[in-house]
Amino acid sequence: MASHRCRKDPCGFICLILTYLSVIYADYVIIQYVLIPFWFSFHGVVFNLILVLLLACHFKAVFSDPGMVPLPEAAIDFSDLRSQSSRNNDRGSCEGWTLCNRCETYRPPRAHHCRVCQRCVRRMDHHCPWINNCVGELNQKYFIQFLFYTGLSSLYCIALVVVTWVWRFRGERERGGESETAASKHFIIAHYIILLAESILFGVFVMVIFYDQLVSIISDETPIEQVRNRLMKDKGASRPHPRKPTLALLREVFGRGSMLCWLLPLHSSPPMAGGIIYSALPDYDV
């Protein structure tokens, strides 16, 4: 399934390559021009541990099923349901279940159709080209972890490069001369500037998305649902939306285990038994 998405979405494939190249370049510059001359033993282990977790979370987000609604094994007759929906102005609703005209199947509550994946995804947040996959009910945890470790590694890069830059040129000034050739010095400075620009760009970008993801979880509304509910509110219609405790909402995404496990790309079951198991066909009276 993942390879099919890569062939179908060239933008996602390019973003995957850029992601891995950026991580490799950052690790190369930090080790070669920052850690080896100064603090390799401690910061080298910590920085590379963060990168390993970043890549592990990214791998899980890319290749995990986001929660695609299974397609029926046999064709379903929608004629009766469509006739009822035209009269009731509520397409195939049965306790929140709806009918997807593109997949031609029933989908559970809070599932939406992805135009890139060409499938309905449970609790779909959005389709992210940086993981070449949808962010949905089953892989949102890994996506948020990937954002967290990307932001953390970016901040770490900025701190290491700035401190090293200051120490390097302070040492040259104290020695009363340049310890390196002009070409070598300019080469190192170019690496520092490129890495700083990369870290600031990616750091700001992922932290904004990380904040939006947390707001979406705490408010219990995906971006798609926020737009839909806003339109319904403008039209004067509203649906009761019971408020859940914040911790319960977070556990629905990160699992029931210890909060320390929320930082690791480990498989975790949601708090509701059977909460993510759906059949392809609900109990409709048609």
Protein backbone atom coordinates (compact mmCIF):
# COMPACT_ATOMS: atom_id res chain seq x y z
CA MET A 1 0.00 0.00 0.00
CA ALA A 2 2.82 2.41 0.83
CA SER A 3 4.60 1.77 -2.47
CA HIS A 4 1.32 2.34 -4.31
CA ARG A 5 0.95 5.74 -2.66
CA CYS A 6 4.54 6.65 -3.56
CA ARG A 7 3.92 5.90 -7.23
CA LYS A 8 0.65 7.76 -7.17
CA ASP A 9 1.88 10.89 -5.39
CA PRO A 10 5.22 12.17 -6.78
CA CYS A 11 5.08 15.14 -4.41
CA GLY A 12 5.01 12.79 -1.43
CA PHE A 13 7.93 10.79 -2.80
CA ILE A 14 9.99 13.98 -3.25
CA CYS A 15 9.14 15.11 0.29
CA LEU A 16 10.28 11.75 1.67
CA ILE A 17 13.64 12.12 -0.08
CA LEU A 18 14.04 15.71 1.17
CA THR A 19 13.27 14.62 4.71
CA TYR A 20 15.93 11.91 4.77
CA LEU A 21 18.51 14.06 2.98
CA SER A 22 17.95 16.87 5.49
CA VAL A 23 18.45 14.50 8.42
CA ILE A 24 21.62 13.01 6.89
CA TYR A 25 23.05 16.45 6.14
CA ALA A 26 22.31 17.74 9.65
CA ASP A 27 23.96 14.69 11.21
CA TYR A 28 27.01 15.08 8.95
CA VAL A 29 27.57 18.76 9.77
CA ILE A 30 26.98 18.32 13.49
CA ILE A 31 29.37 15.37 13.79
CA GLN A 32 32.05 16.62 11.39
CA TYR A 33 32.22 20.32 12.23
CA VAL A 34 30.66 20.61 15.69
CA LEU A 35 30.92 17.49 17.82
CA ILE A 36 34.30 16.05 16.82
CA PRO A 37 36.22 19.26 17.62
CA PHE A 38 34.33 19.85 20.89
CA TRP A 39 31.86 17.58 22.75
CA PHE A 40 31.49 14.40 20.71
CA SER A 41 31.16 11.92 23.58
CA PHE A 42 28.01 13.34 25.20
CA HIS A 43 26.21 15.44 22.61
CA GLY A 44 26.98 12.95 19.84
CA VAL A 45 25.06 10.23 21.66
CA VAL A 46 22.15 12.50 22.59
CA PHE A 47 21.82 14.09 19.15
CA ASN A 48 21.96 10.79 17.29
CA LEU A 49 19.46 9.24 19.71
CA ILE A 50 17.03 12.04 18.84
CA LEU A 51 17.61 11.41 15.12
CA VAL A 52 17.01 7.67 15.55
CA LEU A 53 13.71 8.36 17.29
CA LEU A 54 12.82 10.92 14.60
CA LEU A 55 13.43 8.41 11.80
CA ALA A 56 11.64 5.62 13.66
CA CYS A 57 8.54 7.79 14.17
CA HIS A 58 8.67 8.94 10.56
CA PHE A 59 8.94 5.34 9.33
CA LYS A 60 5.94 4.31 11.42
CA ALA A 61 3.90 7.30 10.23
CA VAL A 62 4.73 6.50 6.59
CA PHE A 63 4.06 2.77 6.58
CA SER A 64 1.30 2.49 9.20
CA ASP A 65 -2.32 2.18 8.17
CA PRO A 66 -3.89 5.56 9.02
CA GLY A 67 -7.25 3.87 9.54
CA MET A 68 -8.57 3.21 6.06
CA VAL A 69 -12.16 2.02 5.95
CA PRO A 70 -12.24 -1.50 4.47
CA LEU A 71 -13.92 -1.87 1.12
CA PRO A 72 -16.77 -4.39 0.83
CA GLU A 73 -15.96 -7.71 -0.76
CA ALA A 74 -19.09 -7.54 -2.89
CA ALA A 75 -20.91 -4.65 -4.50
CA ILE A 76 -23.54 -3.00 -2.33
CA ASP A 77 -26.90 -1.87 -3.62
CA PHE A 78 -27.26 1.77 -2.64
CA SER A 79 -30.53 2.45 -4.46
CA ASP A 80 -32.79 2.22 -1.42
CA LEU A 81 -30.39 4.16 0.73
CA ARG A 82 -30.06 6.95 -1.83
CA SER A 83 -33.80 7.25 -2.16
CA GLN A 84 -34.10 7.57 1.60
CA SER A 85 -31.27 10.08 1.74
CA SER A 86 -32.95 12.29 -0.83
CA ARG A 87 -36.05 12.38 1.32
CA ASN A 88 -34.30 12.76 4.66
CA ASN A 89 -31.54 15.05 3.41
CA ASP A 90 -29.09 12.94 5.36
CA ARG A 91 -27.13 10.56 3.20
CA GLY A 92 -27.16 7.11 4.67
CA SER A 93 -26.97 8.23 8.24
CA CYS A 94 -27.21 5.52 10.88
CA GLU A 95 -25.77 6.67 14.17
CA GLY A 96 -23.22 8.81 12.34
CA TRP A 97 -22.49 6.38 9.51
CA THR A 98 -22.45 7.93 6.04
CA LEU A 99 -22.13 6.84 2.45
CA CYS A 100 -19.04 7.68 0.39
CA ASN A 101 -19.98 8.07 -3.26
CA ARG A 102 -16.35 7.78 -4.35
CA CYS A 103 -15.53 4.56 -2.51
CA GLU A 104 -19.15 3.38 -2.84
CA THR A 105 -19.11 1.99 0.65
CA TYR A 106 -20.40 2.83 4.09
CA ARG A 107 -18.04 4.65 6.39
CA PRO A 108 -18.14 4.99 10.18
CA PRO A 109 -18.55 8.27 12.07
CA ARG A 110 -15.78 10.86 11.64
CA ALA A 111 -14.37 9.16 8.55
CA HIS A 112 -13.57 11.26 5.49
CA HIS A 113 -12.42 10.59 1.94
CA CYS A 114 -8.83 11.35 0.92
CA ARG A 115 -8.50 12.43 -2.70
CA VAL A 116 -4.83 11.40 -2.81
CA CYS A 117 -5.17 7.94 -1.27
CA GLN A 118 -8.58 7.45 -2.93
CA ARG A 119 -9.90 5.87 0.28
CA CYS A 120 -11.92 6.89 3.30
CA VAL A 121 -9.85 7.28 6.46
CA ARG A 122 -11.20 7.13 9.99
CA ARG A 123 -10.79 10.42 11.85
CA MET A 124 -8.80 11.83 8.97
CA ASP A 125 -6.82 14.93 9.90
CA HIS A 126 -5.15 15.67 6.56
CA HIS A 127 -2.96 14.12 3.89
CA CYS A 128 0.66 14.99 4.63
CA PRO A 129 3.18 14.86 1.75
CA TRP A 130 6.08 14.73 4.24
CA ILE A 131 5.01 11.24 5.27
CA ASN A 132 3.32 10.45 1.93
CA ASN A 133 0.34 9.21 3.88
CA CYS A 134 -2.84 10.38 5.53
CA VAL A 135 -2.81 11.38 9.18
CA GLY A 136 -5.67 9.45 10.70
CA GLU A 137 -6.88 7.54 13.70
CA LEU A 138 -4.16 4.89 13.71
CA ASN A 139 -1.01 6.86 12.86
CA GLN A 140 -1.61 10.34 14.30
CA LYS A 141 0.50 9.37 17.32
CA TYR A 142 3.52 8.62 15.15
CA PHE A 143 3.02 11.80 13.14
CA ILE A 144 2.96 13.96 16.28
CA GLN A 145 6.04 12.18 17.62
CA PHE A 146 7.80 12.86 14.31
CA LEU A 147 6.94 16.55 14.61
CA PHE A 148 8.16 16.65 18.21
CA TYR A 149 11.54 15.08 17.49
CA THR A 150 12.02 17.17 14.35
CA GLY A 151 11.44 20.34 16.37
CA LEU A 152 13.69 19.08 19.17
CA SER A 153 16.51 18.18 16.79
CA SER A 154 16.18 21.58 15.07
CA LEU A 155 16.52 23.41 18.38
CA TYR A 156 19.46 21.20 19.30
CA CYS A 157 21.17 21.98 15.98
CA ILE A 158 20.68 25.71 16.43
CA ALA A 159 22.11 25.65 19.95
CA LEU A 160 25.13 23.51 19.02
CA VAL A 161 25.99 25.52 15.91
CA VAL A 162 25.67 28.91 17.61
CA VAL A 163 27.76 27.87 20.64
CA THR A 164 30.39 26.23 18.46
CA TRP A 165 30.58 29.25 16.17
CA VAL A 166 31.13 31.57 19.13
CA TRP A 167 33.75 29.32 20.73
CA ARG A 168 35.60 28.75 17.47
CA PHE A 169 36.12 32.42 16.64
CA ARG A 170 36.67 33.41 20.26
CA GLY A 171 39.51 30.88 20.34
CA GLU A 172 40.98 32.30 17.15
CA ARG A 173 40.88 35.81 18.58
CA GLU A 174 42.58 34.69 21.79
CA ARG A 175 45.30 32.91 19.80
CA GLY A 176 45.87 36.11 17.83
CA GLY A 177 45.48 34.53 14.43
CA GLU A 178 43.59 32.12 12.30
CA SER A 179 44.16 28.45 12.95
CA GLU A 180 42.61 27.47 9.64
CA THR A 181 43.01 28.56 6.04
CA ALA A 182 40.58 31.10 4.66
CA ALA A 183 39.05 28.55 2.28
CA SER A 184 38.51 26.02 5.06
CA LYS A 185 37.05 28.67 7.34
CA HIS A 186 34.58 29.86 4.68
CA PHE A 187 33.62 26.26 3.94
CA ILE A 188 32.78 25.61 7.58
CA ILE A 189 30.85 28.89 7.87
CA ALA A 190 28.82 27.95 4.79
CA HIS A 191 27.87 24.64 6.43
CA TYR A 192 26.89 26.47 9.62
CA ILE A 193 24.69 28.95 7.75
CA ILE A 194 22.97 26.26 5.68
CA LEU A 195 22.29 24.12 8.74
CA LEU A 196 20.99 27.11 10.70
CA ALA A 197 18.63 28.04 7.87
CA GLU A 198 17.44 24.43 7.58
CA SER A 199 16.92 24.10 11.33
CA ILE A 200 15.02 27.37 11.66
CA LEU A 201 12.83 26.62 8.65
CA PHE A 202 11.94 23.08 9.65
CA GLY A 203 11.78 23.92 13.35
CA VAL A 204 9.23 26.72 12.96
CA PHE A 205 7.25 24.72 10.39
CA VAL A 206 6.88 21.55 12.47
CA MET A 207 6.23 23.35 15.76
CA VAL A 208 3.31 25.23 14.20
CA ILE A 209 1.87 21.95 12.92
CA PHE A 210 2.60 20.31 16.30
CA TYR A 211 0.60 23.03 18.05
CA ASP A 212 -2.29 22.62 15.60
CA GLN A 213 -2.30 18.86 16.19
CA LEU A 214 -2.53 19.30 19.97
CA VAL A 215 -5.32 21.85 19.60
CA SER A 216 -7.16 19.47 17.29
CA ILE A 217 -6.88 16.64 19.83
CA ILE A 218 -7.89 18.72 22.84
CA SER A 219 -10.84 20.29 21.00
CA ASP A 220 -11.81 16.82 19.70
CA GLU A 221 -12.23 18.18 16.18
CA THR A 222 -10.16 17.45 13.12
CA PRO A 223 -9.53 20.36 10.71
CA ILE A 224 -12.18 18.91 8.37
CA GLU A 225 -14.69 18.78 11.20
CA GLN A 226 -13.80 22.30 12.31
CA VAL A 227 -14.64 23.67 8.86
CA ARG A 228 -17.84 21.65 8.66
CA ASN A 229 -18.99 22.64 12.16
CA ARG A 230 -18.20 26.29 11.44
CA LEU A 231 -20.37 26.17 8.33
CA MET A 232 -23.18 24.50 10.27
CA LYS A 233 -22.92 27.15 12.97
CA ASP A 234 -23.13 29.92 10.37
CA LYS A 235 -26.29 28.32 9.04
CA GLY A 236 -27.78 28.24 12.52
CA ALA A 237 -27.54 24.47 12.90
CA SER A 238 -25.60 22.82 15.66
CA ARG A 239 -25.03 19.32 16.90
CA PRO A 240 -24.46 18.37 20.52
CA HIS A 241 -20.80 17.60 21.07
CA PRO A 242 -20.19 16.18 24.56
CA ARG A 243 -16.97 17.42 26.10
CA LYS A 244 -14.46 14.73 27.08
CA PRO A 245 -11.67 15.22 29.63
CA THR A 246 -8.42 16.41 28.10
CA LEU A 247 -6.47 13.41 29.39
CA ALA A 248 -9.01 11.03 27.88
CA LEU A 249 -8.70 12.76 24.51
CA LEU A 250 -4.90 12.49 24.64
CA ARG A 251 -5.10 8.82 25.57
CA GLU A 252 -7.32 8.18 22.56
CA VAL A 253 -4.36 9.16 20.40
CA PHE A 254 -1.31 8.13 22.43
CA GLY A 255 -2.70 5.04 24.17
CA ARG A 256 -3.47 3.90 27.68
CA GLY A 257 0.09 3.22 28.81
CA SER A 258 2.45 5.40 30.79
CA MET A 259 2.95 8.94 29.56
CA LEU A 260 6.64 8.13 29.05
CA CYS A 261 5.55 5.66 26.37
CA TRP A 262 3.91 8.56 24.52
CA LEU A 263 7.41 9.61 23.45
CA LEU A 264 8.20 6.22 21.87
CA PRO A 265 6.93 4.93 18.50
CA LEU A 266 5.35 1.87 20.10
CA HIS A 267 2.04 0.34 19.14
CA SER A 268 -0.66 1.16 21.66
CA SER A 269 -4.31 0.31 21.86
CA PRO A 270 -6.88 3.08 22.24
CA PRO A 271 -8.70 3.31 25.57
CA MET A 272 -12.01 2.06 24.18
CA ALA A 273 -12.14 -1.68 23.62
CA GLY A 274 -13.01 -2.30 20.01
CA GLY A 275 -13.14 1.40 19.36
CA ILE A 276 -11.23 1.18 16.11
CA ILE A 277 -12.77 -2.00 14.70
CA TYR A 278 -15.40 -1.37 12.05
CA SER A 279 -17.10 -3.67 9.63
CA ALA A 280 -17.50 -2.66 6.02
CA LEU A 281 -21.30 -2.70 6.33
CA PRO A 282 -23.29 -1.25 9.27
CA ASP A 283 -26.69 -2.49 10.40
CA TYR A 284 -28.88 -0.55 7.99
CA ASP A 285 -32.56 -1.30 7.57
CA VAL A 286 -32.73 -0.97 3.79
